[in-house]
Structure formats: C-alpha cells, structure tokens
Amino acid sequence: GMEECRVTTSYVSLYGHVKSRLKRSGLDFKDLSQDEEILFFSRMAEIADTYNLSLYSCACPVLEKVPGIRRGSCIDGELLESLFGGRVRKSKDKGQRDECGCSCSRDIGIYKEDKNGMVCRHGCVYCYVMGK
C-alpha cells in the first residue's frame, strides 16, 4: 500500500560562510563527525519507526548506511506525479550535487545580488546560498 507519511532528511552542510553566519548570529550548532551523524540518524530512524514514518535521505551517502533510512530525494518527480497527477519532469536535476536524487525543479527563492553576493529576502541563517 501507499505510505501514509514520509520524511526526507539530511544534515546541514556547514560550508565556511554558513559557519561564520551561524557564529555571528549567536546560534549554537555542532558540526557532527561522521560517527556522530550515524548515531544521531540511527536514533531518528528508531523514532520514525515508532511512529510508522518512512525515513529517506537526500544527497547524503553517510545516511544510507543507517538501517531504516532509504535513499530518496527532496523533489521526487515520481511521487509528485502519483500524488497530484499531470506530467512531471522526472530526470535528475543536473544543477545539484552528484549524490542528490532530486528531479528537475525550479527554485522559488527570490535572490538578488548585493555586496555580499547572492542573497534571498528570507534571510535564513543556515542558508548556503546567501553571501557572507
């Protein structure tokens, strides 16, 4: 039968400019080692199983080693088509990382160029797109 609910997850990619922004913002964060990531997501898989949720990872080969986590994608063309009908592009989005399983999609962020590079009006502290 069809899944009731699925969760797609990954661990934030802490690029240099993201770390700097997080530090400046005063947010506390932890850059997990690979072993710590596996431990964290193993516990997450146990919790998901308790609530009958299917857990998937996207663009994160480390997580595919965790029992209970399947390789997935944030933008799943097959799933979107089955849920909403119509025709959806299902080919891999070539603009993403090699490990990313996402289908072609259009970014709905609103970016503009400023002295810090490309920025989005939402200003999320953890965003990897925003400039310094």
N, C-alpha and C. Protein backbone atom coordinates (compact mmCIF):
# COMPACT_ATOMS: atom_id res chain seq x y z
N GLY A 1 0.82 -1.19 0.00
CA GLY A 1 0.00 0.00 0.00
C GLY A 1 0.85 1.24 0.00
N MET A 2 0.21 2.36 -0.20
CA MET A 2 0.92 3.64 -0.24
C MET A 2 1.30 4.09 1.17
N GLU A 3 2.43 4.72 1.28
CA GLU A 3 2.89 5.22 2.57
C GLU A 3 1.95 6.31 3.07
N GLU A 4 1.76 6.33 4.38
CA GLU A 4 0.95 7.38 4.99
C GLU A 4 1.75 8.69 5.05
N CYS A 5 2.99 8.57 5.48
CA CYS A 5 3.81 9.78 5.64
C CYS A 5 5.28 9.41 5.46
N ARG A 6 6.00 10.27 4.77
CA ARG A 6 7.43 10.05 4.62
C ARG A 6 8.17 11.31 5.05
N VAL A 7 9.37 11.11 5.55
CA VAL A 7 10.22 12.21 5.99
C VAL A 7 11.52 12.10 5.20
N THR A 8 11.92 13.19 4.57
CA THR A 8 13.20 13.24 3.87
C THR A 8 14.10 14.19 4.65
N THR A 9 15.31 13.72 4.96
CA THR A 9 16.18 14.50 5.84
C THR A 9 17.62 14.46 5.35
N SER A 10 18.41 15.33 5.91
CA SER A 10 19.84 15.39 5.67
C SER A 10 20.43 16.19 6.82
N TYR A 11 21.75 16.25 6.90
CA TYR A 11 22.37 17.10 7.91
C TYR A 11 22.91 18.33 7.21
N VAL A 12 22.75 19.47 7.82
CA VAL A 12 23.16 20.74 7.20
C VAL A 12 24.62 20.67 6.74
N SER A 13 24.88 21.18 5.54
CA SER A 13 26.26 21.27 5.05
C SER A 13 26.85 22.57 5.61
N LEU A 14 27.78 22.43 6.52
CA LEU A 14 28.33 23.60 7.20
C LEU A 14 29.52 24.17 6.41
N TYR A 15 29.19 24.80 5.28
CA TYR A 15 30.21 25.48 4.49
C TYR A 15 30.78 26.63 5.33
N GLY A 16 31.97 27.10 4.97
CA GLY A 16 32.65 28.15 5.74
C GLY A 16 31.78 29.37 5.98
N HIS A 17 31.11 29.88 4.93
CA HIS A 17 30.29 31.09 5.10
C HIS A 17 29.05 30.81 5.95
N VAL A 18 28.57 29.57 5.95
CA VAL A 18 27.42 29.21 6.79
C VAL A 18 27.86 29.19 8.26
N LYS A 19 29.03 28.58 8.54
CA LYS A 19 29.55 28.56 9.91
C LYS A 19 29.74 29.98 10.44
N SER A 20 30.32 30.85 9.61
CA SER A 20 30.55 32.23 10.03
C SER A 20 29.24 32.92 10.38
N ARG A 21 28.25 32.75 9.54
CA ARG A 21 26.94 33.39 9.77
C ARG A 21 26.28 32.85 11.03
N LEU A 22 26.37 31.52 11.26
CA LEU A 22 25.80 30.93 12.46
C LEU A 22 26.48 31.48 13.72
N LYS A 23 27.81 31.59 13.67
CA LYS A 23 28.55 32.13 14.82
C LYS A 23 28.14 33.57 15.10
N ARG A 24 28.06 34.39 14.04
CA ARG A 24 27.68 35.80 14.20
C ARG A 24 26.26 35.94 14.75
N SER A 25 25.40 35.01 14.41
CA SER A 25 24.00 35.10 14.83
C SER A 25 23.81 34.71 16.29
N GLY A 26 24.82 34.06 16.87
CA GLY A 26 24.71 33.62 18.25
C GLY A 26 24.03 32.27 18.41
N LEU A 27 23.67 31.63 17.28
CA LEU A 27 23.06 30.31 17.35
C LEU A 27 24.12 29.27 17.72
N ASP A 28 23.74 28.35 18.57
CA ASP A 28 24.63 27.27 18.95
C ASP A 28 24.46 26.13 17.94
N PHE A 29 25.54 25.57 17.43
CA PHE A 29 25.46 24.48 16.49
C PHE A 29 26.62 23.53 16.72
N LYS A 30 26.45 22.31 16.25
CA LYS A 30 27.51 21.31 16.40
C LYS A 30 27.78 20.72 15.03
N ASP A 31 29.03 20.74 14.64
CA ASP A 31 29.48 20.12 13.40
C ASP A 31 29.78 18.66 13.73
N LEU A 32 28.86 17.75 13.39
CA LEU A 32 28.99 16.35 13.77
C LEU A 32 30.04 15.62 12.94
N SER A 33 30.76 14.72 13.60
CA SER A 33 31.66 13.81 12.88
C SER A 33 30.77 12.79 12.17
N GLN A 34 31.35 12.02 11.27
CA GLN A 34 30.57 11.01 10.55
C GLN A 34 29.95 10.01 11.52
N ASP A 35 30.72 9.57 12.54
CA ASP A 35 30.18 8.63 13.52
C ASP A 35 29.03 9.24 14.31
N GLU A 36 29.16 10.52 14.67
CA GLU A 36 28.08 11.20 15.41
C GLU A 36 26.83 11.36 14.54
N GLU A 37 27.04 11.63 13.24
CA GLU A 37 25.90 11.73 12.33
C GLU A 37 25.16 10.39 12.27
N ILE A 38 25.90 9.30 12.15
CA ILE A 38 25.29 7.98 12.07
C ILE A 38 24.51 7.67 13.35
N LEU A 39 25.09 8.01 14.50
CA LEU A 39 24.42 7.79 15.78
C LEU A 39 23.14 8.63 15.88
N PHE A 40 23.23 9.91 15.51
CA PHE A 40 22.08 10.82 15.54
C PHE A 40 20.95 10.30 14.66
N PHE A 41 21.29 9.93 13.42
CA PHE A 41 20.26 9.50 12.48
C PHE A 41 19.77 8.08 12.77
N SER A 42 20.58 7.26 13.45
CA SER A 42 20.10 5.94 13.89
C SER A 42 18.98 6.13 14.90
N ARG A 43 19.17 7.08 15.80
CA ARG A 43 18.13 7.38 16.79
C ARG A 43 16.89 7.96 16.09
N MET A 44 17.10 8.81 15.11
CA MET A 44 15.99 9.38 14.35
C MET A 44 15.21 8.27 13.64
N ALA A 45 15.91 7.28 13.10
CA ALA A 45 15.25 6.16 12.42
C ALA A 45 14.42 5.34 13.40
N GLU A 46 14.92 5.17 14.63
CA GLU A 46 14.16 4.46 15.66
C GLU A 46 12.86 5.21 15.98
N ILE A 47 12.96 6.52 16.12
CA ILE A 47 11.79 7.35 16.43
C ILE A 47 10.79 7.29 15.27
N ALA A 48 11.29 7.40 14.04
CA ALA A 48 10.43 7.34 12.86
C ALA A 48 9.68 6.00 12.82
N ASP A 49 10.39 4.93 13.13
CA ASP A 49 9.79 3.61 13.11
C ASP A 49 8.67 3.51 14.16
N THR A 50 8.91 4.09 15.33
CA THR A 50 7.91 4.09 16.40
C THR A 50 6.59 4.72 15.92
N TYR A 51 6.71 5.76 15.09
CA TYR A 51 5.52 6.46 14.61
C TYR A 51 5.10 6.03 13.20
N ASN A 52 5.68 4.94 12.72
CA ASN A 52 5.32 4.40 11.41
C ASN A 52 5.61 5.37 10.26
N LEU A 53 6.68 6.11 10.36
CA LEU A 53 7.08 7.04 9.31
C LEU A 53 8.19 6.41 8.49
N SER A 54 8.16 6.64 7.19
CA SER A 54 9.24 6.19 6.31
C SER A 54 10.29 7.30 6.27
N LEU A 55 11.54 6.94 6.49
CA LEU A 55 12.62 7.92 6.56
C LEU A 55 13.54 7.76 5.35
N TYR A 56 13.78 8.88 4.66
CA TYR A 56 14.64 8.92 3.48
C TYR A 56 15.71 9.98 3.67
N SER A 57 16.83 9.80 2.97
CA SER A 57 17.87 10.83 2.97
C SER A 57 18.00 11.37 1.55
N CYS A 58 18.55 12.55 1.44
CA CYS A 58 18.83 13.11 0.12
C CYS A 58 20.25 13.67 0.13
N ALA A 59 21.00 13.34 -0.89
CA ALA A 59 22.36 13.86 -1.08
C ALA A 59 23.26 13.59 0.12
N CYS A 60 23.08 12.44 0.76
CA CYS A 60 23.86 12.15 1.96
C CYS A 60 24.20 10.66 2.04
N PRO A 61 25.25 10.23 1.31
CA PRO A 61 25.62 8.81 1.30
C PRO A 61 25.87 8.22 2.69
N VAL A 62 26.33 9.05 3.65
CA VAL A 62 26.57 8.57 5.02
C VAL A 62 25.28 8.02 5.62
N LEU A 63 24.17 8.72 5.39
CA LEU A 63 22.90 8.31 5.99
C LEU A 63 22.37 7.02 5.39
N GLU A 64 22.76 6.71 4.17
CA GLU A 64 22.29 5.48 3.54
C GLU A 64 22.86 4.24 4.25
N LYS A 65 23.88 4.44 5.09
CA LYS A 65 24.45 3.34 5.86
C LYS A 65 23.63 3.04 7.11
N VAL A 66 22.71 3.94 7.46
CA VAL A 66 21.91 3.79 8.67
C VAL A 66 20.70 2.89 8.38
N PRO A 67 20.56 1.78 9.13
CA PRO A 67 19.39 0.93 8.93
C PRO A 67 18.11 1.73 9.18
N GLY A 68 17.14 1.57 8.28
CA GLY A 68 15.88 2.28 8.44
C GLY A 68 15.81 3.58 7.63
N ILE A 69 16.92 3.97 7.01
CA ILE A 69 16.91 5.17 6.16
C ILE A 69 17.18 4.73 4.73
N ARG A 70 16.28 5.12 3.84
CA ARG A 70 16.41 4.76 2.43
C ARG A 70 16.86 5.96 1.62
N ARG A 71 17.51 5.70 0.50
CA ARG A 71 17.92 6.78 -0.40
C ARG A 71 16.67 7.38 -1.02
N GLY A 72 16.56 8.68 -0.97
CA GLY A 72 15.40 9.35 -1.52
C GLY A 72 15.78 10.68 -2.14
N SER A 73 14.83 11.58 -2.16
CA SER A 73 15.08 12.91 -2.72
C SER A 73 14.07 13.88 -2.15
N CYS A 74 14.47 15.13 -2.06
CA CYS A 74 13.55 16.18 -1.60
C CYS A 74 12.48 16.42 -2.65
N ILE A 75 12.88 16.47 -3.90
CA ILE A 75 11.96 16.68 -5.02
C ILE A 75 11.86 15.35 -5.77
N ASP A 76 10.80 14.60 -5.50
CA ASP A 76 10.62 13.26 -6.07
C ASP A 76 9.55 13.34 -7.16
N GLY A 77 9.99 13.41 -8.41
CA GLY A 77 9.07 13.56 -9.54
C GLY A 77 8.04 12.45 -9.62
N GLU A 78 8.47 11.20 -9.39
CA GLU A 78 7.55 10.06 -9.43
C GLU A 78 6.44 10.22 -8.38
N LEU A 79 6.86 10.56 -7.15
CA LEU A 79 5.89 10.72 -6.06
C LEU A 79 4.94 11.88 -6.33
N LEU A 80 5.48 13.01 -6.78
CA LEU A 80 4.63 14.17 -7.07
C LEU A 80 3.59 13.84 -8.14
N GLU A 81 4.02 13.13 -9.17
CA GLU A 81 3.10 12.75 -10.24
C GLU A 81 2.01 11.81 -9.72
N SER A 82 2.41 10.86 -8.86
CA SER A 82 1.41 9.91 -8.33
C SER A 82 0.43 10.60 -7.38
N LEU A 83 0.89 11.62 -6.66
CA LEU A 83 0.01 12.32 -5.72
C LEU A 83 -0.92 13.32 -6.40
N PHE A 84 -0.39 14.03 -7.40
CA PHE A 84 -1.14 15.15 -7.97
C PHE A 84 -1.52 14.99 -9.43
N GLY A 85 -1.06 13.91 -10.07
CA GLY A 85 -1.36 13.70 -11.48
C GLY A 85 -0.57 14.64 -12.37
N GLY A 86 -1.01 14.74 -13.61
CA GLY A 86 -0.29 15.59 -14.55
C GLY A 86 1.02 14.97 -14.96
N ARG A 87 1.84 15.76 -15.63
CA ARG A 87 3.16 15.28 -16.07
C ARG A 87 4.22 16.09 -15.33
N VAL A 88 5.18 15.37 -14.78
CA VAL A 88 6.25 15.99 -14.01
C VAL A 88 7.58 15.53 -14.59
N ARG A 89 8.53 16.44 -14.69
CA ARG A 89 9.87 16.03 -15.14
C ARG A 89 10.49 15.15 -14.08
N LYS A 90 10.94 13.98 -14.48
CA LYS A 90 11.48 13.04 -13.51
C LYS A 90 12.98 12.83 -13.67
N SER A 91 13.60 13.52 -14.62
CA SER A 91 15.04 13.36 -14.80
C SER A 91 15.78 14.05 -13.65
N LYS A 92 17.01 13.59 -13.40
CA LYS A 92 17.82 14.15 -12.30
C LYS A 92 18.10 15.63 -12.56
N ASP A 93 18.03 16.41 -11.48
CA ASP A 93 18.36 17.83 -11.56
C ASP A 93 19.88 17.96 -11.63
N LYS A 94 20.39 18.30 -12.80
CA LYS A 94 21.84 18.35 -13.02
C LYS A 94 22.51 19.52 -12.30
N GLY A 95 21.71 20.46 -11.80
CA GLY A 95 22.26 21.61 -11.08
C GLY A 95 22.59 21.32 -9.62
N GLN A 96 22.30 20.09 -9.18
CA GLN A 96 22.52 19.72 -7.79
C GLN A 96 23.77 18.85 -7.65
N ARG A 97 24.16 18.59 -6.40
CA ARG A 97 25.32 17.73 -6.14
C ARG A 97 25.12 16.35 -6.76
N ASP A 98 26.22 15.65 -7.06
CA ASP A 98 26.15 14.33 -7.68
C ASP A 98 25.29 13.36 -6.88
N GLU A 99 25.39 13.43 -5.54
CA GLU A 99 24.66 12.49 -4.68
C GLU A 99 23.17 12.80 -4.60
N CYS A 100 22.79 13.99 -5.04
CA CYS A 100 21.39 14.42 -4.93
C CYS A 100 20.50 13.59 -5.85
N GLY A 101 19.38 13.12 -5.33
CA GLY A 101 18.45 12.32 -6.12
C GLY A 101 17.26 13.12 -6.61
N CYS A 102 17.28 14.43 -6.46
CA CYS A 102 16.12 15.25 -6.81
C CYS A 102 15.87 15.31 -8.31
N SER A 103 14.58 15.33 -8.64
CA SER A 103 14.15 15.54 -10.02
C SER A 103 14.30 17.02 -10.36
N CYS A 104 14.29 17.32 -11.65
CA CYS A 104 14.38 18.71 -12.08
C CYS A 104 13.30 19.53 -11.41
N SER A 105 13.66 20.71 -10.96
CA SER A 105 12.70 21.59 -10.30
C SER A 105 13.12 23.03 -10.52
N ARG A 106 12.25 23.92 -10.15
CA ARG A 106 12.53 25.35 -10.26
C ARG A 106 12.62 25.92 -8.86
N ASP A 107 13.70 26.62 -8.56
CA ASP A 107 13.89 27.22 -7.24
C ASP A 107 12.93 28.39 -7.10
N ILE A 108 12.19 28.43 -6.01
CA ILE A 108 11.23 29.52 -5.82
C ILE A 108 11.78 30.61 -4.91
N GLY A 109 13.05 30.47 -4.50
CA GLY A 109 13.67 31.53 -3.70
C GLY A 109 13.80 32.79 -4.54
N ILE A 110 13.81 33.91 -3.87
CA ILE A 110 13.93 35.19 -4.57
C ILE A 110 15.31 35.75 -4.23
N TYR A 111 16.23 35.61 -5.17
CA TYR A 111 17.60 36.02 -4.93
C TYR A 111 17.89 37.34 -5.60
N LYS A 112 18.78 38.12 -4.98
CA LYS A 112 19.26 39.33 -5.62
C LYS A 112 20.74 39.46 -5.28
N GLU A 113 21.44 40.21 -6.08
CA GLU A 113 22.87 40.42 -5.88
C GLU A 113 23.06 41.64 -4.99
N ASP A 114 23.92 41.52 -3.98
CA ASP A 114 24.31 42.69 -3.21
C ASP A 114 25.80 42.59 -2.92
N LYS A 115 26.32 43.46 -2.06
CA LYS A 115 27.77 43.49 -1.80
C LYS A 115 28.29 42.17 -1.21
N ASN A 116 27.39 41.36 -0.64
CA ASN A 116 27.78 40.09 -0.06
C ASN A 116 27.59 38.90 -0.99
N GLY A 117 27.17 39.14 -2.22
CA GLY A 117 26.91 38.05 -3.16
C GLY A 117 25.42 37.88 -3.36
N MET A 118 25.01 36.64 -3.66
CA MET A 118 23.60 36.35 -3.87
C MET A 118 22.90 36.22 -2.53
N VAL A 119 21.80 36.93 -2.36
CA VAL A 119 21.03 36.84 -1.11
C VAL A 119 19.55 36.64 -1.43
N CYS A 120 18.86 36.04 -0.49
CA CYS A 120 17.42 35.82 -0.60
C CYS A 120 16.75 36.68 0.46
N ARG A 121 15.58 37.21 0.17
CA ARG A 121 14.91 38.12 1.11
C ARG A 121 14.51 37.47 2.41
N HIS A 122 14.49 36.13 2.47
CA HIS A 122 14.07 35.45 3.69
C HIS A 122 15.15 35.49 4.78
N GLY A 123 16.41 35.55 4.41
CA GLY A 123 17.50 35.72 5.38
C GLY A 123 17.72 34.56 6.34
N CYS A 124 17.41 33.33 5.95
CA CYS A 124 17.64 32.18 6.83
C CYS A 124 19.13 32.08 7.16
N VAL A 125 19.46 31.98 8.43
CA VAL A 125 20.85 31.99 8.88
C VAL A 125 21.63 30.81 8.33
N TYR A 126 20.99 29.65 8.19
CA TYR A 126 21.69 28.44 7.75
C TYR A 126 21.77 28.29 6.24
N CYS A 127 21.20 29.24 5.47
CA CYS A 127 21.15 29.12 4.01
C CYS A 127 22.55 29.10 3.40
N TYR A 128 22.77 28.15 2.50
CA TYR A 128 24.08 28.04 1.85
C TYR A 128 24.22 28.98 0.67
N VAL A 129 23.13 29.57 0.19
CA VAL A 129 23.18 30.44 -0.99
C VAL A 129 23.64 31.84 -0.64
N MET A 130 23.17 32.34 0.50
CA MET A 130 23.45 33.73 0.85
C MET A 130 24.94 34.03 0.90
N GLY A 131 25.28 35.26 0.62
CA GLY A 131 26.67 35.69 0.70
C GLY A 131 27.14 35.73 2.15
N LYS A 132 28.30 36.33 2.37
CA LYS A 132 28.91 36.35 3.69
C LYS A 132 28.13 37.21 4.63
